[in-house]
């Protein structure tokens, strides 16, 4: 049985407008926490795969060995970037043009392909982060709106009862202030998580950019176009 006094009593006794604001804040909180947990798991896995894959690629003796070292896991950002780079390289390799022309185009063409692949990975990883920023910025104001609405209702009730006694004013005001507190409860974790996740995403981005640069350097250094073949070391 829910008590008539205390926190739940204030919520159940609040006006429909205040209850609607609290329901909205609850939905925002649940959604933001779902994003936080999902992104933490995703970013930690991506950071681990990127760091280990880049190290293995750098230590490999040649390009082919490096690509084998990073593996072909579908959830690995490096594997997808490497696949995009190889696909671009294959298209250029099969193009009907002279080896000299291919050598001239490989750097710019492959660089653009790798840049697109890195941007695609970062776009995928950063998806839904904007909602955390929205929660961080909007939740306090939504809570404040509920407070203003509740206080307006409290003063309206005072006018109807024609009594300004503290016992008459306090319940309505305390119910209204709950929405401000809940708004801050939603906004503070979202703000902390957003900044922390951005820092994690920056670390992953560094590894992806480093890998793309290493991939391009190895292609330029190891691939020859005299007979359209690659050196395997």
C-alpha atoms as a PDB file:
ATOM      1  CA  UNK A   1       0.000   0.000   0.000  1.00  0.00           C
ATOM      2  CA  UNK A   2       1.414   3.389  -1.040  1.00  0.00           C
ATOM      3  CA  UNK A   3       1.561   5.865   1.847  1.00  0.00           C
ATOM      4  CA  UNK A   4      -0.353   9.107   1.589  1.00  0.00           C
ATOM      5  CA  UNK A   5       2.630  11.156   2.755  1.00  0.00           C
ATOM      6  CA  UNK A   6       6.243  11.272   1.657  1.00  0.00           C
ATOM      7  CA  UNK A   7       7.679  11.160  -1.838  1.00  0.00           C
ATOM      8  CA  UNK A   8       5.102   8.864  -3.423  1.00  0.00           C
ATOM      9  CA  UNK A   9       2.316  10.709  -1.692  1.00  0.00           C
ATOM     10  CA  UNK A  10       3.522  13.987  -3.231  1.00  0.00           C
ATOM     11  CA  UNK A  11       3.659  12.439  -6.699  1.00  0.00           C
ATOM     12  CA  UNK A  12       0.204  10.872  -6.434  1.00  0.00           C
ATOM     13  CA  UNK A  13      -1.214  14.107  -5.046  1.00  0.00           C
ATOM     14  CA  UNK A  14       0.376  16.315  -7.697  1.00  0.00           C
ATOM     15  CA  UNK A  15      -1.573  17.878 -10.538  1.00  0.00           C
ATOM     16  CA  UNK A  16      -1.906  16.179 -13.908  1.00  0.00           C
ATOM     17  CA  UNK A  17       0.564  18.645 -15.436  1.00  0.00           C
ATOM     18  CA  UNK A  18       3.227  17.881 -12.843  1.00  0.00           C
ATOM     19  CA  UNK A  19       2.644  14.144 -13.197  1.00  0.00           C
ATOM     20  CA  UNK A  20       3.007  14.446 -16.988  1.00  0.00           C
ATOM     21  CA  UNK A  21       6.337  16.252 -16.544  1.00  0.00           C
ATOM     22  CA  UNK A  22       7.532  13.547 -14.126  1.00  0.00           C
ATOM     23  CA  UNK A  23       6.501  10.817 -16.573  1.00  0.00           C
ATOM     24  CA  UNK A  24       8.447  12.547 -19.362  1.00  0.00           C
ATOM     25  CA  UNK A  25      11.514  12.863 -17.146  1.00  0.00           C
ATOM     26  CA  UNK A  26      11.245   9.183 -16.192  1.00  0.00           C
ATOM     27  CA  UNK A  27      11.174   8.166 -19.864  1.00  0.00           C
ATOM     28  CA  UNK A  28      14.168  10.399 -20.599  1.00  0.00           C
ATOM     29  CA  UNK A  29      16.073   8.883 -17.691  1.00  0.00           C
ATOM     30  CA  UNK A  30      15.365   5.283 -18.739  1.00  0.00           C
ATOM     31  CA  UNK A  31      16.306   6.021 -22.356  1.00  0.00           C
ATOM     32  CA  UNK A  32      19.483   7.859 -21.415  1.00  0.00           C
ATOM     33  CA  UNK A  33      20.620   5.086 -19.056  1.00  0.00           C
ATOM     34  CA  UNK A  34      19.990   2.526 -21.785  1.00  0.00           C
ATOM     35  CA  UNK A  35      22.192   4.553 -24.144  1.00  0.00           C
ATOM     36  CA  UNK A  36      24.874   4.970 -21.476  1.00  0.00           C
ATOM     37  CA  UNK A  37      25.128   1.249 -20.754  1.00  0.00           C
ATOM     38  CA  UNK A  38      25.060   0.306 -24.441  1.00  0.00           C
ATOM     39  CA  UNK A  39      27.697   2.887 -25.410  1.00  0.00           C
ATOM     40  CA  UNK A  40      30.005   1.953 -22.550  1.00  0.00           C
ATOM     41  CA  UNK A  41      29.996  -1.668 -23.689  1.00  0.00           C
ATOM     42  CA  UNK A  42      30.350  -0.722 -27.365  1.00  0.00           C
ATOM     43  CA  UNK A  43      33.143   1.823 -26.838  1.00  0.00           C
ATOM     44  CA  UNK A  44      35.172  -0.425 -24.570  1.00  0.00           C
ATOM     45  CA  UNK A  45      34.978  -3.233 -27.108  1.00  0.00           C
ATOM     46  CA  UNK A  46      35.848  -0.883 -29.976  1.00  0.00           C
ATOM     47  CA  UNK A  47      38.779   0.594 -28.021  1.00  0.00           C
ATOM     48  CA  UNK A  48      40.105  -2.862 -27.193  1.00  0.00           C
ATOM     49  CA  UNK A  49      39.756  -4.123 -30.764  1.00  0.00           C
ATOM     50  CA  UNK A  50      41.244  -0.975 -32.270  1.00  0.00           C
ATOM     51  CA  UNK A  51      44.222  -0.856 -29.919  1.00  0.00           C
ATOM     52  CA  UNK A  52      45.038  -4.559 -30.247  1.00  0.00           C
ATOM     53  CA  UNK A  53      44.412  -4.570 -34.005  1.00  0.00           C
ATOM     54  CA  UNK A  54      46.576  -1.526 -34.668  1.00  0.00           C
ATOM     55  CA  UNK A  55      49.420  -3.004 -32.602  1.00  0.00           C
ATOM     56  CA  UNK A  56      49.181  -6.311 -34.466  1.00  0.00           C
ATOM     57  CA  UNK A  57      49.053  -4.555 -37.838  1.00  0.00           C
ATOM     58  CA  UNK A  58      52.093  -2.429 -36.986  1.00  0.00           C
ATOM     59  CA  UNK A  59      54.119  -5.449 -35.882  1.00  0.00           C
ATOM     60  CA  UNK A  60      53.258  -7.541 -38.950  1.00  0.00           C
ATOM     61  CA  UNK A  61      56.022  -8.033 -41.481  1.00  0.00           C
ATOM     62  CA  UNK A  62      53.937  -6.967 -44.486  1.00  0.00           C
ATOM     63  CA  UNK A  63      50.531  -5.717 -45.572  1.00  0.00           C
ATOM     64  CA  UNK A  64      49.007  -9.147 -46.119  1.00  0.00           C
ATOM     65  CA  UNK A  65      50.142 -10.387 -42.712  1.00  0.00           C
ATOM     66  CA  UNK A  66      48.878  -7.190 -41.123  1.00  0.00           C
ATOM     67  CA  UNK A  67      45.412  -7.599 -42.617  1.00  0.00           C
ATOM     68  CA  UNK A  68      45.308 -11.183 -41.408  1.00  0.00           C
ATOM     69  CA  UNK A  69      46.381 -10.059 -37.947  1.00  0.00           C
ATOM     70  CA  UNK A  70      43.466  -7.668 -37.485  1.00  0.00           C
ATOM     71  CA  UNK A  71      41.058 -10.433 -38.456  1.00  0.00           C
ATOM     72  CA  UNK A  72      37.716 -10.220 -40.194  1.00  0.00           C
ATOM     73  CA  UNK A  73      35.289  -9.857 -37.305  1.00  0.00           C
ATOM     74  CA  UNK A  74      32.139  -8.063 -38.415  1.00  0.00           C
ATOM     75  CA  UNK A  75      32.021  -5.939 -35.234  1.00  0.00           C
ATOM     76  CA  UNK A  76      35.647  -4.804 -35.525  1.00  0.00           C
ATOM     77  CA  UNK A  77      36.069  -1.190 -36.757  1.00  0.00           C
ATOM     78  CA  UNK A  78      39.591  -1.906 -38.013  1.00  0.00           C
ATOM     79  CA  UNK A  79      38.424  -4.929 -39.991  1.00  0.00           C
ATOM     80  CA  UNK A  80      35.759  -2.839 -41.735  1.00  0.00           C
ATOM     81  CA  UNK A  81      38.201  -0.020 -42.475  1.00  0.00           C
ATOM     82  CA  UNK A  82      40.765  -2.508 -43.763  1.00  0.00           C
ATOM     83  CA  UNK A  83      38.110  -4.137 -45.944  1.00  0.00           C
ATOM     84  CA  UNK A  84      37.166  -0.740 -47.375  1.00  0.00           C
ATOM     85  CA  UNK A  85      40.817  -0.004 -48.096  1.00  0.00           C
ATOM     86  CA  UNK A  86      41.347  -3.353 -49.805  1.00  0.00           C
ATOM     87  CA  UNK A  87      38.178  -2.887 -51.860  1.00  0.00           C
ATOM     88  CA  UNK A  88      39.339   0.512 -53.062  1.00  0.00           C
ATOM     89  CA  UNK A  89      42.784  -0.890 -53.827  1.00  0.00           C
ATOM     90  CA  UNK A  90      41.329  -3.789 -55.829  1.00  0.00           C
ATOM     91  CA  UNK A  91      39.228  -1.453 -57.945  1.00  0.00           C
ATOM     92  CA  UNK A  92      42.254   0.667 -58.735  1.00  0.00           C
ATOM     93  CA  UNK A  93      44.329  -2.444 -59.396  1.00  0.00           C
ATOM     94  CA  UNK A  94      41.811  -3.684 -61.964  1.00  0.00           C
ATOM     95  CA  UNK A  95      41.385  -0.304 -63.633  1.00  0.00           C
ATOM     96  CA  UNK A  96      42.402  -0.071 -67.275  1.00  0.00           C
ATOM     97  CA  UNK A  97      45.255   2.411 -66.993  1.00  0.00           C
ATOM     98  CA  UNK A  98      49.001   2.452 -67.045  1.00  0.00           C
ATOM     99  CA  UNK A  99      51.034   1.457 -63.949  1.00  0.00           C
ATOM    100  CA  UNK A 100      52.453   4.973 -63.809  1.00  0.00           C
ATOM    101  CA  UNK A 101      48.951   6.418 -63.684  1.00  0.00           C
ATOM    102  CA  UNK A 102      47.964   3.936 -60.981  1.00  0.00           C
ATOM    103  CA  UNK A 103      50.939   4.904 -58.864  1.00  0.00           C
ATOM    104  CA  UNK A 104      49.895   8.522 -59.204  1.00  0.00           C
ATOM    105  CA  UNK A 105      46.289   7.845 -58.168  1.00  0.00           C
ATOM    106  CA  UNK A 106      46.752   5.274 -55.427  1.00  0.00           C
ATOM    107  CA  UNK A 107      47.654   7.693 -52.656  1.00  0.00           C
ATOM    108  CA  UNK A 108      44.778  10.129 -53.132  1.00  0.00           C
ATOM    109  CA  UNK A 109      42.180   7.472 -53.996  1.00  0.00           C
ATOM    110  CA  UNK A 110      43.059   5.210 -51.104  1.00  0.00           C
ATOM    111  CA  UNK A 111      43.311   8.132 -48.687  1.00  0.00           C
ATOM    112  CA  UNK A 112      39.790   9.243 -49.562  1.00  0.00           C
ATOM    113  CA  UNK A 113      38.435   5.719 -49.194  1.00  0.00           C
ATOM    114  CA  UNK A 114      40.068   5.282 -45.790  1.00  0.00           C
ATOM    115  CA  UNK A 115      38.830   8.698 -44.649  1.00  0.00           C
ATOM    116  CA  UNK A 116      35.280   7.781 -45.645  1.00  0.00           C
ATOM    117  CA  UNK A 117      35.556   4.461 -43.819  1.00  0.00           C
ATOM    118  CA  UNK A 118      36.837   6.122 -40.629  1.00  0.00           C
ATOM    119  CA  UNK A 119      34.094   8.756 -40.808  1.00  0.00           C
ATOM    120  CA  UNK A 120      31.483   6.038 -41.273  1.00  0.00           C
ATOM    121  CA  UNK A 121      32.729   4.157 -38.209  1.00  0.00           C
ATOM    122  CA  UNK A 122      32.739   7.299 -36.069  1.00  0.00           C
ATOM    123  CA  UNK A 123      29.265   8.242 -37.254  1.00  0.00           C
ATOM    124  CA  UNK A 124      27.989   4.812 -36.291  1.00  0.00           C
ATOM    125  CA  UNK A 125      29.696   4.918 -32.893  1.00  0.00           C
ATOM    126  CA  UNK A 126      28.467   8.430 -32.075  1.00  0.00           C
ATOM    127  CA  UNK A 127      24.839   7.662 -32.897  1.00  0.00           C
ATOM    128  CA  UNK A 128      22.439   8.477 -30.005  1.00  0.00           C
ATOM    129  CA  UNK A 129      25.034  10.561 -28.147  1.00  0.00           C
ATOM    130  CA  UNK A 130      23.072  13.666 -29.095  1.00  0.00           C
ATOM    131  CA  UNK A 131      20.173  12.423 -26.977  1.00  0.00           C
ATOM    132  CA  UNK A 132      22.415  12.459 -23.895  1.00  0.00           C
ATOM    133  CA  UNK A 133      23.330  16.060 -24.675  1.00  0.00           C
ATOM    134  CA  UNK A 134      19.634  16.867 -25.049  1.00  0.00           C
ATOM    135  CA  UNK A 135      18.870  15.289 -21.674  1.00  0.00           C
ATOM    136  CA  UNK A 136      21.724  17.163 -20.041  1.00  0.00           C
ATOM    137  CA  UNK A 137      20.518  20.507 -21.378  1.00  0.00           C
ATOM    138  CA  UNK A 138      16.743  20.105 -21.409  1.00  0.00           C
ATOM    139  CA  UNK A 139      15.919  18.016 -18.325  1.00  0.00           C
ATOM    140  CA  UNK A 140      16.503  20.821 -15.760  1.00  0.00           C
ATOM    141  CA  UNK A 141      14.266  23.171 -17.742  1.00  0.00           C
ATOM    142  CA  UNK A 142      11.567  20.533 -18.119  1.00  0.00           C
ATOM    143  CA  UNK A 143      11.725  20.000 -14.367  1.00  0.00           C
ATOM    144  CA  UNK A 144      11.569  23.758 -13.809  1.00  0.00           C
ATOM    145  CA  UNK A 145       8.490  23.941 -16.014  1.00  0.00           C
ATOM    146  CA  UNK A 146       6.828  21.339 -13.820  1.00  0.00           C
ATOM    147  CA  UNK A 147       7.784  23.366 -10.748  1.00  0.00           C
ATOM    148  CA  UNK A 148       6.334  26.573 -12.163  1.00  0.00           C
ATOM    149  CA  UNK A 149       3.166  24.747 -13.133  1.00  0.00           C
ATOM    150  CA  UNK A 150       2.830  23.227  -9.670  1.00  0.00           C
ATOM    151  CA  UNK A 151       3.426  26.535  -7.891  1.00  0.00           C
ATOM    152  CA  UNK A 152       0.831  28.227 -10.082  1.00  0.00           C
ATOM    153  CA  UNK A 153      -1.647  25.531  -9.081  1.00  0.00           C
ATOM    154  CA  UNK A 154      -0.678  25.926  -5.410  1.00  0.00           C
ATOM    155  CA  UNK A 155      -1.308  29.677  -5.473  1.00  0.00           C
ATOM    156  CA  UNK A 156      -4.591  29.090  -7.278  1.00  0.00           C
ATOM    157  CA  UNK A 157      -5.607  26.717  -4.490  1.00  0.00           C
ATOM    158  CA  UNK A 158      -4.629  29.353  -1.912  1.00  0.00           C
ATOM    159  CA  UNK A 159      -6.913  31.842  -3.631  1.00  0.00           C
ATOM    160  CA  UNK A 160      -9.814  29.424  -3.629  1.00  0.00           C
ATOM    161  CA  UNK A 161      -9.331  28.503   0.029  1.00  0.00           C
ATOM    162  CA  UNK A 162      -8.683  32.138   0.977  1.00  0.00           C
ATOM    163  CA  UNK A 163      -5.982  30.999   3.363  1.00  0.00           C
ATOM    164  CA  UNK A 164      -2.259  31.724   3.167  1.00  0.00           C
ATOM    165  CA  UNK A 165      -1.310  29.500   6.096  1.00  0.00           C
ATOM    166  CA  UNK A 166       1.909  27.497   5.741  1.00  0.00           C
ATOM    167  CA  UNK A 167      -0.008  24.263   6.079  1.00  0.00           C
ATOM    168  CA  UNK A 168      -2.018  25.245   3.027  1.00  0.00           C
ATOM    169  CA  UNK A 169       0.911  26.444   0.880  1.00  0.00           C
ATOM    170  CA  UNK A 170       3.614  23.919   1.743  1.00  0.00           C
ATOM    171  CA  UNK A 171       2.174  20.707   0.223  1.00  0.00           C
ATOM    172  CA  UNK A 172       1.579  22.232  -3.205  1.00  0.00           C
ATOM    173  CA  UNK A 173       4.990  23.900  -3.339  1.00  0.00           C
ATOM    174  CA  UNK A 174       6.824  20.777  -2.166  1.00  0.00           C
ATOM    175  CA  UNK A 175       5.058  18.721  -4.833  1.00  0.00           C
ATOM    176  CA  UNK A 176       6.109  21.259  -7.437  1.00  0.00           C
ATOM    177  CA  UNK A 177       9.753  21.321  -6.356  1.00  0.00           C
ATOM    178  CA  UNK A 178       9.992  17.561  -6.839  1.00  0.00           C
ATOM    179  CA  UNK A 179      10.074  18.037 -10.618  1.00  0.00           C
ATOM    180  CA  UNK A 180      13.133  20.304 -10.406  1.00  0.00           C
ATOM    181  CA  UNK A 181      14.939  17.702  -8.303  1.00  0.00           C
ATOM    182  CA  UNK A 182      14.016  14.911 -10.729  1.00  0.00           C
ATOM    183  CA  UNK A 183      15.144  17.056 -13.656  1.00  0.00           C
ATOM    184  CA  UNK A 184      18.571  17.411 -12.064  1.00  0.00           C
ATOM    185  CA  UNK A 185      18.678  13.667 -11.347  1.00  0.00           C
ATOM    186  CA  UNK A 186      18.158  13.059 -15.074  1.00  0.00           C
ATOM    187  CA  UNK A 187      20.547  15.783 -16.277  1.00  0.00           C
ATOM    188  CA  UNK A 188      23.586  15.174 -14.053  1.00  0.00           C
ATOM    189  CA  UNK A 189      24.281  11.524 -15.052  1.00  0.00           C
ATOM    190  CA  UNK A 190      23.597  12.377 -18.704  1.00  0.00           C
ATOM    191  CA  UNK A 191      26.125  15.234 -18.581  1.00  0.00           C
ATOM    192  CA  UNK A 192      28.826  13.129 -16.908  1.00  0.00           C
ATOM    193  CA  UNK A 193      28.245  10.175 -19.232  1.00  0.00           C
ATOM    194  CA  UNK A 194      28.222  12.369 -22.356  1.00  0.00           C
ATOM    195  CA  UNK A 195      31.612  13.894 -21.548  1.00  0.00           C
ATOM    196  CA  UNK A 196      33.096  10.531 -20.567  1.00  0.00           C
ATOM    197  CA  UNK A 197      31.806   8.814 -23.712  1.00  0.00           C
ATOM    198  CA  UNK A 198      33.138  11.636 -25.890  1.00  0.00           C
ATOM    199  CA  UNK A 199      36.587  11.094 -24.378  1.00  0.00           C
ATOM    200  CA  UNK A 200      36.355   7.348 -25.073  1.00  0.00           C
ATOM    201  CA  UNK A 201      35.230   8.041 -28.641  1.00  0.00           C
ATOM    202  CA  UNK A 202      38.218  10.354 -29.094  1.00  0.00           C
ATOM    203  CA  UNK A 203      40.568   7.534 -28.079  1.00  0.00           C
ATOM    204  CA  UNK A 204      38.928   5.166 -30.564  1.00  0.00           C
ATOM    205  CA  UNK A 205      39.141   7.818 -33.287  1.00  0.00           C
ATOM    206  CA  UNK A 206      42.878   8.193 -32.679  1.00  0.00           C
ATOM    207  CA  UNK A 207      43.425   4.453 -33.139  1.00  0.00           C
ATOM    208  CA  UNK A 208      41.311   4.375 -36.315  1.00  0.00           C
ATOM    209  CA  UNK A 209      43.136   7.347 -37.853  1.00  0.00           C
ATOM    210  CA  UNK A 210      46.509   5.833 -36.933  1.00  0.00           C
ATOM    211  CA  UNK A 211      45.517   2.537 -38.534  1.00  0.00           C
ATOM    212  CA  UNK A 212      44.329   4.264 -41.705  1.00  0.00           C
ATOM    213  CA  UNK A 213      47.649   6.113 -41.938  1.00  0.00           C
ATOM    214  CA  UNK A 214      49.640   2.925 -41.369  1.00  0.00           C
ATOM    215  CA  UNK A 215      47.564   1.097 -43.981  1.00  0.00           C
ATOM    216  CA  UNK A 216      48.173   3.810 -46.565  1.00  0.00           C
ATOM    217  CA  UNK A 217      51.910   3.919 -45.792  1.00  0.00           C
ATOM    218  CA  UNK A 218      52.245   0.179 -46.255  1.00  0.00           C
ATOM    219  CA  UNK A 219      50.415   0.209 -49.564  1.00  0.00           C
ATOM    220  CA  UNK A 220      52.628   3.008 -50.875  1.00  0.00           C
ATOM    221  CA  UNK A 221      55.774   1.292 -49.604  1.00  0.00           C
ATOM    222  CA  UNK A 222      55.079  -2.366 -50.425  1.00  0.00           C
ATOM    223  CA  UNK A 223      52.884  -2.405 -53.514  1.00  0.00           C
ATOM    224  CA  UNK A 224      54.425  -2.313 -56.982  1.00  0.00           C
ATOM    225  CA  UNK A 225      52.484  -1.796 -60.180  1.00  0.00           C
ATOM    226  CA  UNK A 226      54.936  -3.025 -62.746  1.00  0.00           C
ATOM    227  CA  UNK A 227      53.006  -6.270 -63.184  1.00  0.00           C
ATOM    228  CA  UNK A 228      49.932  -5.332 -61.130  1.00  0.00           C
ATOM    229  CA  UNK A 229      51.121  -7.450 -58.237  1.00  0.00           C
ATOM    230  CA  UNK A 230      51.899  -6.942 -54.602  1.00  0.00           C
ATOM    231  CA  UNK A 231      55.032  -7.722 -52.693  1.00  0.00           C
ATOM    232  CA  UNK A 232      54.283 -10.078 -49.827  1.00  0.00           C
ATOM    233  CA  UNK A 233      57.573  -9.354 -48.161  1.00  0.00           C
END
